[in-house]
């Protein structure tokens, strides 16, 4: 086996490293981000990564706690649940 076969390409390592080095940015509350975190997040969000879609679903579900009426909350949940179900992300479906 040649060395190039057992090591991932530089491009794939760079993409993976950027996701792993920013995992806490994805997990932290956006209100607590620094300017650097916000800039990094915007760059990653625009790349179309699966983690970006999962983050968007998680953040929109957080808005359910702002509803005071049950029927409005149920409608909100139904819409967001449909979106999550059709997101093509295996852990969410």
Protein backbone atom coordinates (compact mmCIF):
# COMPACT_ATOMS: atom_id res chain seq x y z
CA UNK A 1 0.00 0.00 0.00
CA UNK A 2 1.41 3.36 -0.95
CA UNK A 3 1.41 6.22 1.59
CA UNK A 4 -1.05 8.21 -0.51
CA UNK A 5 -3.66 5.45 -0.23
CA UNK A 6 -3.75 5.37 3.55
CA UNK A 7 -3.84 9.13 4.23
CA UNK A 8 -6.78 11.36 3.27
CA UNK A 9 -6.18 14.06 0.74
CA UNK A 10 -5.17 17.51 1.93
CA UNK A 11 -8.49 18.98 0.80
CA UNK A 12 -10.57 16.50 2.81
CA UNK A 13 -8.40 17.00 5.90
CA UNK A 14 -8.83 20.77 5.63
CA UNK A 15 -12.63 20.48 5.47
CA UNK A 16 -12.73 18.05 8.37
CA UNK A 17 -10.35 20.15 10.45
CA UNK A 18 -12.46 23.26 9.95
CA UNK A 19 -15.58 21.44 11.18
CA UNK A 20 -13.86 19.92 14.20
CA UNK A 21 -12.08 23.10 15.20
CA UNK A 22 -15.37 25.02 15.11
CA UNK A 23 -17.61 22.47 16.81
CA UNK A 24 -18.03 24.63 19.90
CA UNK A 25 -19.12 27.54 17.72
CA UNK A 26 -21.96 25.35 16.42
CA UNK A 27 -22.91 24.30 19.95
CA UNK A 28 -22.71 27.65 21.72
CA UNK A 29 -25.51 30.16 21.89
CA UNK A 30 -25.12 32.76 19.10
CA UNK A 31 -25.62 35.51 21.66
CA UNK A 32 -22.31 34.48 23.27
CA UNK A 33 -20.22 34.50 20.08
CA UNK A 34 -17.25 36.77 19.63
CA UNK A 35 -16.85 38.67 16.36
CA UNK A 36 -14.34 36.06 15.22
CA UNK A 37 -16.81 33.26 15.98
CA UNK A 38 -19.54 35.05 14.03
CA UNK A 39 -17.27 35.55 11.02
CA UNK A 40 -16.15 31.91 11.10
CA UNK A 41 -19.73 30.75 11.45
CA UNK A 42 -20.92 32.80 8.48
CA UNK A 43 -18.15 31.37 6.33
CA UNK A 44 -19.04 27.81 7.33
CA UNK A 45 -22.78 28.35 7.05
CA UNK A 46 -22.44 29.44 3.43
CA UNK A 47 -20.52 26.28 2.49
CA UNK A 48 -23.68 24.16 2.56
CA UNK A 49 -22.40 21.63 5.09
CA UNK A 50 -24.77 19.13 6.68
CA UNK A 51 -23.86 20.47 10.10
CA UNK A 52 -25.11 23.88 8.96
CA UNK A 53 -28.52 22.49 8.09
CA UNK A 54 -28.70 20.61 11.38
CA UNK A 55 -27.76 23.78 13.27
CA UNK A 56 -30.48 25.77 11.48
CA UNK A 57 -33.09 23.16 12.40
CA UNK A 58 -31.97 23.17 16.04
CA UNK A 59 -32.07 26.96 16.26
CA UNK A 60 -35.53 27.29 14.72
CA UNK A 61 -36.92 24.68 17.12
CA UNK A 62 -35.68 26.84 20.00
CA UNK A 63 -38.26 29.48 19.01
CA UNK A 64 -41.12 27.23 20.14
CA UNK A 65 -40.60 28.41 23.73
CA UNK A 66 -41.68 31.93 22.76
CA UNK A 67 -45.25 30.87 21.93
CA UNK A 68 -47.90 31.48 24.56
CA UNK A 69 -50.83 29.82 22.80
CA UNK A 70 -50.91 26.07 22.36
CA UNK A 71 -52.48 26.08 18.89
CA UNK A 72 -49.84 28.48 17.55
CA UNK A 73 -47.08 26.34 19.06
CA UNK A 74 -48.56 23.19 17.50
CA UNK A 75 -48.70 24.83 14.06
CA UNK A 76 -45.12 26.06 14.45
CA UNK A 77 -43.98 22.58 15.52
CA UNK A 78 -45.79 20.89 12.62
CA UNK A 79 -44.10 23.16 10.08
CA UNK A 80 -40.64 22.77 11.58
CA UNK A 81 -41.08 19.02 12.04
CA UNK A 82 -41.92 18.69 8.34
CA UNK A 83 -38.77 20.63 7.49
CA UNK A 84 -36.62 18.47 9.79
CA UNK A 85 -38.16 15.26 8.46
CA UNK A 86 -37.43 16.26 4.86
CA UNK A 87 -33.93 17.60 5.57
CA UNK A 88 -32.25 14.37 4.40
CA UNK A 89 -30.16 14.28 7.57
CA UNK A 90 -30.15 10.75 8.99
CA UNK A 91 -29.72 11.65 12.70
CA UNK A 92 -32.67 14.05 12.57
CA UNK A 93 -35.07 11.88 10.60
